[in-house]
Amino acid sequence: MTDRPAPSNDAADGRLTVSQAMTPNPALNRFFYFGVGSDWLWRTRRTWTWADWESKISAPGYQTWVGSFSGSPAGYFELDATDPTNVEIVYFGLLPVFIGAGLGQPFIGCCLDAAWSNPNTERVWLHTCSFDHERALPNYLNAGFEIERTTDEVEQIDDVPFEPWPDSGRLPRTTIRDHLDQQRATRQ
């Protein structure tokens, strides 16, 4: 996205609020990373230590934003604005209970308002992949993003358990491979 969209004015009937977490908090980012990303196989940070989290989210220009719906945490996004002309939406998503509640468009609008808040911003970008929710790409395109490029990559998926916390019941005793096999079976 190289042109700033019109400011977001749809905040889900005023029940969606979004605010920047001004104090870096590894526990907060880890909570959202696993809570939002477990179903979509986010895995790059799952073995991070407290120090890894703290180093990343404390970097100058790195931002964490939290969306709440009717007072309950609903989702988050992380922005890498270390180069304020070129802002990356590193992570963006809703907690499972809020998916399908009509928050995707207003939440990406709030995310874009934050990403474009610096007058020097010239480009806002993100990555998505086929593991993401089926509405992710249409939501991004509807918000004004354009596809810059696509690639086909094969990823090595290991058998490390992928759960937001042990025995959470969300993906009980499941590995990434089990989850992928189940998804493939339902598509056939």
N, C-alpha and C. Protein backbone atom coordinates (compact mmCIF):
# COMPACT_ATOMS: atom_id res chain seq x y z
N MET A 1 0.85 -1.16 0.00
CA MET A 1 0.00 0.00 0.00
C MET A 1 0.90 1.23 0.00
N THR A 2 0.75 2.06 -1.03
CA THR A 2 1.59 3.24 -1.13
C THR A 2 0.80 4.54 -1.02
N ASP A 3 -0.50 4.43 -0.87
CA ASP A 3 -1.34 5.61 -0.67
C ASP A 3 -2.15 5.43 0.60
N ARG A 4 -2.17 6.45 1.41
CA ARG A 4 -2.92 6.38 2.66
C ARG A 4 -4.43 6.32 2.36
N PRO A 5 -5.11 5.33 2.93
CA PRO A 5 -6.56 5.27 2.74
C PRO A 5 -7.26 6.33 3.60
N ALA A 6 -8.53 6.53 3.34
CA ALA A 6 -9.30 7.45 4.19
C ALA A 6 -9.27 6.92 5.62
N PRO A 7 -9.24 7.81 6.60
CA PRO A 7 -9.22 7.35 8.00
C PRO A 7 -10.41 6.44 8.30
N SER A 8 -10.17 5.49 9.16
CA SER A 8 -11.20 4.54 9.54
C SER A 8 -12.25 5.24 10.39
N ASN A 9 -13.52 5.07 10.02
CA ASN A 9 -14.58 5.64 10.84
C ASN A 9 -15.54 4.55 11.33
N ASP A 10 -15.26 3.31 10.98
CA ASP A 10 -16.10 2.19 11.41
C ASP A 10 -15.39 1.45 12.53
N ALA A 11 -15.78 1.70 13.74
CA ALA A 11 -15.18 1.02 14.89
C ALA A 11 -16.18 0.06 15.51
N ALA A 12 -16.89 -0.69 14.67
CA ALA A 12 -17.84 -1.70 15.12
C ALA A 12 -18.80 -1.12 16.15
N ASP A 13 -19.55 -0.12 15.74
CA ASP A 13 -20.55 0.52 16.61
C ASP A 13 -19.95 1.12 17.87
N GLY A 14 -18.71 1.54 17.82
CA GLY A 14 -18.08 2.15 18.98
C GLY A 14 -17.64 1.18 20.05
N ARG A 15 -17.87 -0.11 19.84
CA ARG A 15 -17.48 -1.11 20.84
C ARG A 15 -16.05 -1.59 20.64
N LEU A 16 -15.44 -1.30 19.50
CA LEU A 16 -14.05 -1.66 19.24
C LEU A 16 -13.18 -0.46 19.58
N THR A 17 -12.25 -0.65 20.50
CA THR A 17 -11.29 0.40 20.82
C THR A 17 -9.90 -0.18 20.59
N VAL A 18 -9.00 0.66 20.14
CA VAL A 18 -7.64 0.23 19.86
C VAL A 18 -6.69 1.22 20.51
N SER A 19 -5.72 0.70 21.24
CA SER A 19 -4.74 1.57 21.88
C SER A 19 -3.36 0.94 21.82
N GLN A 20 -2.36 1.81 21.79
CA GLN A 20 -0.98 1.35 21.75
C GLN A 20 -0.54 0.95 23.14
N ALA A 21 0.11 -0.19 23.24
CA ALA A 21 0.73 -0.63 24.50
C ALA A 21 2.05 0.10 24.61
N MET A 22 2.08 1.14 25.40
CA MET A 22 3.25 2.01 25.46
C MET A 22 4.41 1.42 26.27
N THR A 23 4.12 0.47 27.15
CA THR A 23 5.16 -0.20 27.92
C THR A 23 5.41 -1.57 27.31
N PRO A 24 6.60 -1.83 26.77
CA PRO A 24 6.86 -3.16 26.22
C PRO A 24 6.63 -4.24 27.27
N ASN A 25 5.88 -5.27 26.90
CA ASN A 25 5.49 -6.32 27.83
C ASN A 25 5.55 -7.67 27.11
N PRO A 26 6.67 -8.40 27.24
CA PRO A 26 6.79 -9.68 26.54
C PRO A 26 5.63 -10.62 26.81
N ALA A 27 5.08 -10.63 28.02
CA ALA A 27 3.96 -11.53 28.32
C ALA A 27 2.73 -11.19 27.48
N LEU A 28 2.48 -9.91 27.27
CA LEU A 28 1.35 -9.48 26.46
C LEU A 28 1.52 -9.93 25.01
N ASN A 29 2.68 -9.64 24.44
CA ASN A 29 2.91 -10.02 23.04
C ASN A 29 2.87 -11.53 22.86
N ARG A 30 3.44 -12.26 23.82
CA ARG A 30 3.43 -13.72 23.73
C ARG A 30 2.00 -14.25 23.82
N PHE A 31 1.20 -13.68 24.73
CA PHE A 31 -0.19 -14.09 24.86
C PHE A 31 -0.92 -13.94 23.53
N PHE A 32 -0.81 -12.77 22.90
CA PHE A 32 -1.51 -12.55 21.64
C PHE A 32 -0.92 -13.38 20.51
N TYR A 33 0.40 -13.52 20.47
CA TYR A 33 1.03 -14.31 19.42
C TYR A 33 0.48 -15.73 19.41
N PHE A 34 0.44 -16.36 20.58
CA PHE A 34 -0.08 -17.73 20.64
C PHE A 34 -1.60 -17.77 20.54
N GLY A 35 -2.28 -16.85 21.20
CA GLY A 35 -3.74 -16.85 21.17
C GLY A 35 -4.30 -16.58 19.79
N VAL A 36 -3.70 -15.67 19.05
CA VAL A 36 -4.14 -15.35 17.70
C VAL A 36 -3.55 -16.33 16.70
N GLY A 37 -2.28 -16.65 16.83
CA GLY A 37 -1.56 -17.36 15.78
C GLY A 37 -1.59 -18.87 15.81
N SER A 38 -2.02 -19.47 16.90
CA SER A 38 -1.97 -20.94 16.99
C SER A 38 -2.74 -21.62 15.88
N ASP A 39 -3.94 -21.15 15.59
CA ASP A 39 -4.75 -21.79 14.54
C ASP A 39 -4.20 -21.54 13.14
N TRP A 40 -3.33 -20.56 12.99
CA TRP A 40 -2.81 -20.20 11.67
C TRP A 40 -1.34 -20.60 11.52
N LEU A 41 -0.87 -21.41 12.46
CA LEU A 41 0.48 -21.99 12.41
C LEU A 41 1.59 -20.95 12.46
N TRP A 42 1.37 -19.86 13.18
CA TRP A 42 2.48 -18.94 13.42
C TRP A 42 3.47 -19.72 14.26
N ARG A 43 4.71 -19.77 13.84
CA ARG A 43 5.65 -20.61 14.56
C ARG A 43 7.04 -20.03 14.76
N THR A 44 7.33 -18.90 14.13
CA THR A 44 8.71 -18.39 14.22
C THR A 44 9.10 -17.97 15.63
N ARG A 45 8.15 -17.58 16.46
CA ARG A 45 8.49 -17.08 17.79
C ARG A 45 8.16 -18.08 18.91
N ARG A 46 7.71 -19.25 18.59
CA ARG A 46 7.21 -20.13 19.66
C ARG A 46 8.29 -20.61 20.62
N THR A 47 9.55 -20.56 20.23
CA THR A 47 10.62 -20.99 21.14
C THR A 47 11.38 -19.80 21.74
N TRP A 48 10.88 -18.59 21.52
CA TRP A 48 11.57 -17.41 22.02
C TRP A 48 11.59 -17.38 23.54
N THR A 49 12.69 -16.86 24.06
CA THR A 49 12.81 -16.62 25.49
C THR A 49 12.25 -15.23 25.81
N TRP A 50 12.13 -14.97 27.11
CA TRP A 50 11.70 -13.65 27.55
C TRP A 50 12.61 -12.57 26.94
N ALA A 51 13.91 -12.83 26.97
CA ALA A 51 14.87 -11.85 26.44
C ALA A 51 14.66 -11.63 24.94
N ASP A 52 14.35 -12.68 24.20
CA ASP A 52 14.08 -12.53 22.76
C ASP A 52 12.88 -11.61 22.53
N TRP A 53 11.81 -11.88 23.27
CA TRP A 53 10.61 -11.05 23.14
C TRP A 53 10.92 -9.60 23.51
N GLU A 54 11.58 -9.44 24.65
CA GLU A 54 11.86 -8.09 25.13
C GLU A 54 12.72 -7.31 24.14
N SER A 55 13.72 -7.96 23.58
CA SER A 55 14.60 -7.30 22.62
C SER A 55 13.82 -6.84 21.39
N LYS A 56 12.96 -7.69 20.88
CA LYS A 56 12.20 -7.36 19.67
C LYS A 56 11.23 -6.21 19.91
N ILE A 57 10.40 -6.35 20.95
CA ILE A 57 9.32 -5.38 21.12
C ILE A 57 9.77 -4.08 21.77
N SER A 58 10.99 -4.04 22.29
CA SER A 58 11.53 -2.82 22.90
C SER A 58 12.33 -1.98 21.92
N ALA A 59 12.52 -2.47 20.72
CA ALA A 59 13.31 -1.74 19.73
C ALA A 59 12.63 -0.41 19.40
N PRO A 60 13.41 0.65 19.23
CA PRO A 60 12.82 1.94 18.86
C PRO A 60 12.03 1.81 17.55
N GLY A 61 10.82 2.32 17.55
CA GLY A 61 9.98 2.26 16.36
C GLY A 61 9.11 1.02 16.27
N TYR A 62 9.31 0.06 17.17
CA TYR A 62 8.47 -1.14 17.16
C TYR A 62 7.26 -0.89 18.04
N GLN A 63 6.08 -1.20 17.54
CA GLN A 63 4.85 -0.86 18.25
C GLN A 63 3.94 -2.08 18.40
N THR A 64 3.27 -2.16 19.55
CA THR A 64 2.24 -3.16 19.80
C THR A 64 0.95 -2.42 20.08
N TRP A 65 -0.12 -2.82 19.40
CA TRP A 65 -1.43 -2.22 19.55
C TRP A 65 -2.42 -3.31 19.94
N VAL A 66 -3.33 -2.99 20.85
CA VAL A 66 -4.31 -3.95 21.34
C VAL A 66 -5.71 -3.45 21.01
N GLY A 67 -6.49 -4.34 20.41
CA GLY A 67 -7.89 -4.05 20.14
C GLY A 67 -8.77 -4.72 21.19
N SER A 68 -9.73 -3.98 21.70
CA SER A 68 -10.68 -4.52 22.67
C SER A 68 -12.08 -4.32 22.13
N PHE A 69 -12.94 -5.28 22.40
CA PHE A 69 -14.33 -5.21 21.98
C PHE A 69 -15.21 -5.31 23.22
N SER A 70 -15.95 -4.26 23.46
CA SER A 70 -16.80 -4.19 24.66
C SER A 70 -16.00 -4.50 25.92
N GLY A 71 -14.76 -4.01 25.96
CA GLY A 71 -13.92 -4.16 27.15
C GLY A 71 -13.08 -5.41 27.21
N SER A 72 -13.29 -6.37 26.30
CA SER A 72 -12.50 -7.61 26.30
C SER A 72 -11.41 -7.55 25.23
N PRO A 73 -10.17 -7.96 25.56
CA PRO A 73 -9.13 -8.02 24.53
C PRO A 73 -9.61 -8.89 23.36
N ALA A 74 -9.53 -8.35 22.16
CA ALA A 74 -10.05 -9.03 20.99
C ALA A 74 -8.97 -9.39 19.98
N GLY A 75 -7.89 -8.63 19.93
CA GLY A 75 -6.85 -8.88 18.95
C GLY A 75 -5.71 -7.90 19.11
N TYR A 76 -4.76 -8.02 18.23
CA TYR A 76 -3.61 -7.13 18.32
C TYR A 76 -2.94 -7.02 16.97
N PHE A 77 -2.04 -6.04 16.88
CA PHE A 77 -1.14 -5.97 15.74
C PHE A 77 0.18 -5.38 16.21
N GLU A 78 1.23 -5.79 15.52
CA GLU A 78 2.57 -5.26 15.76
C GLU A 78 3.01 -4.54 14.51
N LEU A 79 3.53 -3.35 14.69
CA LEU A 79 4.05 -2.55 13.58
C LEU A 79 5.55 -2.37 13.76
N ASP A 80 6.28 -2.56 12.68
CA ASP A 80 7.70 -2.25 12.68
C ASP A 80 7.87 -0.95 11.90
N ALA A 81 7.99 0.14 12.65
CA ALA A 81 8.16 1.46 12.06
C ALA A 81 9.55 1.99 12.34
N THR A 82 10.53 1.07 12.41
CA THR A 82 11.91 1.51 12.62
C THR A 82 12.37 2.38 11.47
N ASP A 83 11.84 2.14 10.28
CA ASP A 83 11.99 3.05 9.15
C ASP A 83 10.61 3.66 8.94
N PRO A 84 10.37 4.87 9.43
CA PRO A 84 9.01 5.43 9.39
C PRO A 84 8.46 5.65 7.98
N THR A 85 9.31 5.57 6.96
CA THR A 85 8.80 5.70 5.60
C THR A 85 8.27 4.37 5.07
N ASN A 86 8.62 3.28 5.72
CA ASN A 86 8.33 1.94 5.22
C ASN A 86 7.87 1.07 6.41
N VAL A 87 6.59 1.09 6.72
CA VAL A 87 6.06 0.45 7.91
C VAL A 87 5.54 -0.95 7.58
N GLU A 88 6.02 -1.93 8.34
CA GLU A 88 5.56 -3.31 8.16
C GLU A 88 4.54 -3.66 9.24
N ILE A 89 3.43 -4.24 8.82
CA ILE A 89 2.50 -4.86 9.75
C ILE A 89 3.06 -6.26 9.96
N VAL A 90 3.72 -6.47 11.08
CA VAL A 90 4.43 -7.72 11.34
C VAL A 90 3.43 -8.82 11.70
N TYR A 91 2.52 -8.52 12.61
CA TYR A 91 1.46 -9.46 13.00
C TYR A 91 0.16 -8.69 13.13
N PHE A 92 -0.93 -9.35 12.75
CA PHE A 92 -2.25 -8.75 12.82
C PHE A 92 -3.24 -9.89 12.97
N GLY A 93 -4.15 -9.79 13.93
CA GLY A 93 -5.17 -10.81 14.01
C GLY A 93 -6.07 -10.68 15.22
N LEU A 94 -7.13 -11.47 15.19
CA LEU A 94 -8.12 -11.50 16.24
C LEU A 94 -8.03 -12.81 17.00
N LEU A 95 -8.38 -12.77 18.27
CA LEU A 95 -8.50 -13.99 19.05
C LEU A 95 -9.67 -14.80 18.50
N PRO A 96 -9.61 -16.13 18.58
CA PRO A 96 -10.62 -16.98 17.93
C PRO A 96 -12.08 -16.63 18.24
N VAL A 97 -12.39 -16.27 19.46
CA VAL A 97 -13.78 -15.99 19.82
C VAL A 97 -14.34 -14.78 19.08
N PHE A 98 -13.48 -13.92 18.53
CA PHE A 98 -13.93 -12.72 17.84
C PHE A 98 -13.92 -12.87 16.31
N ILE A 99 -13.43 -13.98 15.80
CA ILE A 99 -13.43 -14.21 14.36
C ILE A 99 -14.86 -14.46 13.91
N GLY A 100 -15.27 -13.78 12.87
CA GLY A 100 -16.63 -13.91 12.37
C GLY A 100 -17.60 -12.93 13.00
N ALA A 101 -17.10 -12.05 13.85
CA ALA A 101 -17.96 -11.08 14.53
C ALA A 101 -18.03 -9.74 13.80
N GLY A 102 -17.47 -9.67 12.60
CA GLY A 102 -17.50 -8.43 11.84
C GLY A 102 -16.46 -7.41 12.25
N LEU A 103 -15.39 -7.86 12.90
CA LEU A 103 -14.37 -6.93 13.37
C LEU A 103 -13.18 -6.79 12.42
N GLY A 104 -13.05 -7.68 11.45
CA GLY A 104 -11.87 -7.67 10.59
C GLY A 104 -11.65 -6.35 9.88
N GLN A 105 -12.67 -5.84 9.20
CA GLN A 105 -12.52 -4.58 8.46
C GLN A 105 -12.27 -3.40 9.39
N PRO A 106 -13.06 -3.22 10.45
CA PRO A 106 -12.76 -2.07 11.30
C PRO A 106 -11.39 -2.18 11.97
N PHE A 107 -10.98 -3.41 12.30
CA PHE A 107 -9.70 -3.57 12.98
C PHE A 107 -8.54 -3.28 12.03
N ILE A 108 -8.62 -3.74 10.78
CA ILE A 108 -7.54 -3.41 9.83
C ILE A 108 -7.55 -1.91 9.55
N GLY A 109 -8.72 -1.28 9.57
CA GLY A 109 -8.78 0.18 9.41
C GLY A 109 -8.04 0.90 10.52
N CYS A 110 -8.23 0.44 11.76
CA CYS A 110 -7.51 1.03 12.89
C CYS A 110 -6.01 0.78 12.78
N CYS A 111 -5.65 -0.40 12.30
CA CYS A 111 -4.24 -0.74 12.10
C CYS A 111 -3.62 0.20 11.07
N LEU A 112 -4.33 0.43 9.99
CA LEU A 112 -3.80 1.32 8.95
C LEU A 112 -3.73 2.77 9.44
N ASP A 113 -4.70 3.20 10.24
CA ASP A 113 -4.61 4.54 10.83
C ASP A 113 -3.31 4.68 11.63
N ALA A 114 -2.97 3.65 12.42
CA ALA A 114 -1.74 3.69 13.22
C ALA A 114 -0.51 3.65 12.32
N ALA A 115 -0.53 2.78 11.31
CA ALA A 115 0.63 2.62 10.43
C ALA A 115 0.92 3.89 9.63
N TRP A 116 -0.12 4.62 9.25
CA TRP A 116 0.05 5.84 8.46
C TRP A 116 0.11 7.09 9.33
N SER A 117 0.18 6.94 10.63
CA SER A 117 0.13 8.12 11.51
C SER A 117 1.34 9.04 11.37
N ASN A 118 2.47 8.51 10.95
CA ASN A 118 3.64 9.35 10.73
C ASN A 118 3.52 9.99 9.35
N PRO A 119 3.61 11.30 9.24
CA PRO A 119 3.46 11.96 7.93
C PRO A 119 4.55 11.57 6.93
N ASN A 120 5.65 10.96 7.40
CA ASN A 120 6.72 10.54 6.50
C ASN A 120 6.49 9.16 5.90
N THR A 121 5.45 8.46 6.33
CA THR A 121 5.19 7.12 5.81
C THR A 121 4.86 7.18 4.33
N GLU A 122 5.55 6.33 3.56
CA GLU A 122 5.33 6.25 2.12
C GLU A 122 4.77 4.89 1.70
N ARG A 123 4.94 3.89 2.57
CA ARG A 123 4.53 2.53 2.20
C ARG A 123 4.20 1.76 3.47
N VAL A 124 3.10 1.00 3.43
CA VAL A 124 2.73 0.08 4.50
C VAL A 124 2.56 -1.28 3.84
N TRP A 125 3.15 -2.29 4.45
CA TRP A 125 3.13 -3.61 3.82
C TRP A 125 3.02 -4.71 4.86
N LEU A 126 2.70 -5.90 4.36
CA LEU A 126 2.60 -7.09 5.21
C LEU A 126 2.79 -8.33 4.35
N HIS A 127 3.02 -9.44 5.05
CA HIS A 127 3.05 -10.76 4.40
C HIS A 127 1.80 -11.52 4.85
N THR A 128 1.27 -12.32 3.98
CA THR A 128 0.25 -13.29 4.37
C THR A 128 0.58 -14.58 3.66
N CYS A 129 -0.08 -15.65 4.05
CA CYS A 129 0.21 -16.93 3.42
C CYS A 129 -1.04 -17.80 3.42
N SER A 130 -0.94 -18.94 2.77
CA SER A 130 -2.09 -19.83 2.64
C SER A 130 -2.50 -20.47 3.96
N PHE A 131 -1.69 -20.37 5.00
CA PHE A 131 -2.08 -20.88 6.32
C PHE A 131 -3.04 -19.92 7.02
N ASP A 132 -3.07 -18.64 6.61
CA ASP A 132 -3.91 -17.65 7.28
C ASP A 132 -5.39 -17.91 7.00
N HIS A 133 -6.24 -17.24 7.75
CA HIS A 133 -7.69 -17.37 7.59
C HIS A 133 -8.08 -17.08 6.15
N GLU A 134 -9.08 -17.76 5.67
CA GLU A 134 -9.50 -17.59 4.28
C GLU A 134 -9.96 -16.17 3.96
N ARG A 135 -10.36 -15.40 4.96
CA ARG A 135 -10.78 -14.01 4.74
C ARG A 135 -9.64 -13.01 4.88
N ALA A 136 -8.45 -13.48 5.26
CA ALA A 136 -7.35 -12.54 5.48
C ALA A 136 -7.01 -11.76 4.21
N LEU A 137 -6.70 -12.45 3.14
CA LEU A 137 -6.32 -11.75 1.91
C LEU A 137 -7.46 -10.87 1.39
N PRO A 138 -8.69 -11.35 1.29
CA PRO A 138 -9.76 -10.44 0.86
C PRO A 138 -9.92 -9.22 1.77
N ASN A 139 -9.72 -9.39 3.06
CA ASN A 139 -9.80 -8.27 4.00
C ASN A 139 -8.70 -7.24 3.69
N TYR A 140 -7.49 -7.71 3.44
CA TYR A 140 -6.39 -6.81 3.12
C TYR A 140 -6.63 -6.09 1.79
N LEU A 141 -7.10 -6.82 0.80
CA LEU A 141 -7.36 -6.20 -0.51
C LEU A 141 -8.49 -5.17 -0.39
N ASN A 142 -9.52 -5.49 0.35
CA ASN A 142 -10.63 -4.57 0.55
C ASN A 142 -10.19 -3.30 1.29
N ALA A 143 -9.17 -3.43 2.13
CA ALA A 143 -8.65 -2.28 2.87
C ALA A 143 -7.77 -1.38 2.00
N GLY A 144 -7.41 -1.85 0.81
CA GLY A 144 -6.61 -1.03 -0.09
C GLY A 144 -5.23 -1.56 -0.43
N PHE A 145 -4.87 -2.71 0.13
CA PHE A 145 -3.57 -3.30 -0.23
C PHE A 145 -3.63 -3.84 -1.65
N GLU A 146 -2.47 -3.91 -2.27
CA GLU A 146 -2.33 -4.55 -3.57
C GLU A 146 -1.30 -5.66 -3.43
N ILE A 147 -1.49 -6.71 -4.19
CA ILE A 147 -0.52 -7.81 -4.16
C ILE A 147 0.72 -7.37 -4.92
N GLU A 148 1.84 -7.40 -4.22
CA GLU A 148 3.10 -7.01 -4.84
C GLU A 148 3.75 -8.21 -5.54
N ARG A 149 3.68 -9.36 -4.88
CA ARG A 149 4.21 -10.57 -5.50
C ARG A 149 3.70 -11.78 -4.74
N THR A 150 3.75 -12.91 -5.39
CA THR A 150 3.41 -14.18 -4.76
C THR A 150 4.56 -15.15 -4.99
N THR A 151 4.72 -16.05 -4.06
CA THR A 151 5.75 -17.08 -4.19
C THR A 151 5.16 -18.41 -3.75
N ASP A 152 5.73 -19.47 -4.27
CA ASP A 152 5.41 -20.81 -3.81
C ASP A 152 6.62 -21.33 -3.07
N GLU A 153 6.43 -21.64 -1.80
CA GLU A 153 7.53 -22.13 -0.98
C GLU A 153 7.08 -23.37 -0.24
N VAL A 154 8.00 -24.28 -0.07
CA VAL A 154 7.74 -25.47 0.73
C VAL A 154 8.40 -25.25 2.08
N GLU A 155 7.62 -25.40 3.14
CA GLU A 155 8.17 -25.22 4.48
C GLU A 155 8.31 -26.56 5.17
N GLN A 156 9.42 -26.72 5.86
CA GLN A 156 9.62 -27.90 6.69
C GLN A 156 8.84 -27.70 7.98
N ILE A 157 7.89 -28.55 8.23
CA ILE A 157 7.07 -28.46 9.44
C ILE A 157 7.52 -29.56 10.39
N ASP A 158 7.93 -29.15 11.59
CA ASP A 158 8.41 -30.13 12.56
C ASP A 158 7.26 -30.60 13.45
N ASP A 159 7.57 -31.52 14.34
CA ASP A 159 6.55 -32.09 15.21
C ASP A 159 6.55 -31.51 16.62
N VAL A 160 7.05 -30.30 16.78
CA VAL A 160 7.02 -29.67 18.09
C VAL A 160 5.57 -29.30 18.39
N PRO A 161 5.05 -29.66 19.57
CA PRO A 161 3.67 -29.29 19.89
C PRO A 161 3.44 -27.79 19.73
N PHE A 162 2.32 -27.46 19.18
CA PHE A 162 2.00 -26.06 18.91
C PHE A 162 0.71 -25.73 19.62
N GLU A 163 0.82 -25.25 20.82
CA GLU A 163 -0.33 -24.91 21.64
C GLU A 163 -0.09 -23.55 22.26
N PRO A 164 -1.16 -22.77 22.48
CA PRO A 164 -0.95 -21.48 23.14
C PRO A 164 -0.45 -21.65 24.56
N TRP A 165 -0.82 -22.71 25.22
CA TRP A 165 -0.29 -23.07 26.53
C TRP A 165 -0.59 -24.55 26.72
N PRO A 166 0.18 -25.24 27.52
CA PRO A 166 -0.03 -26.68 27.67
C PRO A 166 -1.45 -27.01 28.12
N ASP A 167 -2.01 -28.03 27.50
CA ASP A 167 -3.34 -28.54 27.83
C ASP A 167 -4.42 -27.47 27.74
N SER A 168 -4.31 -26.57 26.78
CA SER A 168 -5.29 -25.50 26.65
C SER A 168 -6.61 -25.99 26.10
N GLY A 169 -6.59 -27.11 25.41
CA GLY A 169 -7.81 -27.61 24.81
C GLY A 169 -8.06 -27.05 23.42
N ARG A 170 -7.30 -26.04 22.98
CA ARG A 170 -7.53 -25.46 21.65
C ARG A 170 -7.04 -26.38 20.56
N LEU A 171 -5.84 -26.83 20.67
CA LEU A 171 -5.31 -27.84 19.77
C LEU A 171 -4.69 -28.91 20.65
N PRO A 172 -5.52 -29.69 21.34
CA PRO A 172 -5.00 -30.58 22.39
C PRO A 172 -4.05 -31.63 21.85
N ARG A 173 -2.86 -31.63 22.46
CA ARG A 173 -1.86 -32.64 22.14
C ARG A 173 -1.68 -32.82 20.64
N THR A 174 -1.74 -31.73 19.91
CA THR A 174 -1.62 -31.76 18.47
C THR A 174 -0.30 -31.15 18.06
N THR A 175 0.27 -31.70 17.02
CA THR A 175 1.47 -31.10 16.46
C THR A 175 1.09 -30.33 15.21
N ILE A 176 1.97 -29.52 14.73
CA ILE A 176 1.72 -28.78 13.49
C ILE A 176 1.42 -29.77 12.37
N ARG A 177 2.17 -30.83 12.28
CA ARG A 177 1.94 -31.81 11.21
C ARG A 177 0.54 -32.40 11.31
N ASP A 178 0.08 -32.74 12.51
CA ASP A 178 -1.29 -33.26 12.68
C ASP A 178 -2.31 -32.26 12.18
N HIS A 179 -2.10 -30.99 12.52
CA HIS A 179 -3.02 -29.93 12.12
C HIS A 179 -3.05 -29.80 10.60
N LEU A 180 -1.90 -29.81 9.95
CA LEU A 180 -1.84 -29.70 8.49
C LEU A 180 -2.50 -30.90 7.83
N ASP A 181 -2.24 -32.10 8.35
CA ASP A 181 -2.87 -33.30 7.80
C ASP A 181 -4.39 -33.21 7.89
N GLN A 182 -4.89 -32.71 8.99
CA GLN A 182 -6.33 -32.57 9.18
C GLN A 182 -6.90 -31.54 8.18
N GLN A 183 -6.20 -30.43 7.99
CA GLN A 183 -6.66 -29.43 7.03
C GLN A 183 -6.69 -29.99 5.61
N ARG A 184 -5.63 -30.74 5.24
CA ARG A 184 -5.59 -31.33 3.90
C ARG A 184 -6.72 -32.32 3.70
N ALA A 185 -7.02 -33.11 4.71
CA ALA A 185 -8.07 -34.11 4.61
C ALA A 185 -9.45 -33.46 4.42
N THR A 186 -9.69 -32.33 5.07
CA THR A 186 -10.98 -31.66 4.93
C THR A 186 -11.13 -30.95 3.61
N ARG A 187 -10.03 -30.62 2.96
CA ARG A 187 -10.09 -29.95 1.65
C ARG A 187 -10.33 -30.92 0.52
N GLN A 188 -10.05 -32.18 0.74
CA GLN A 188 -10.18 -33.17 -0.35
C GLN A 188 -11.57 -33.70 -0.49
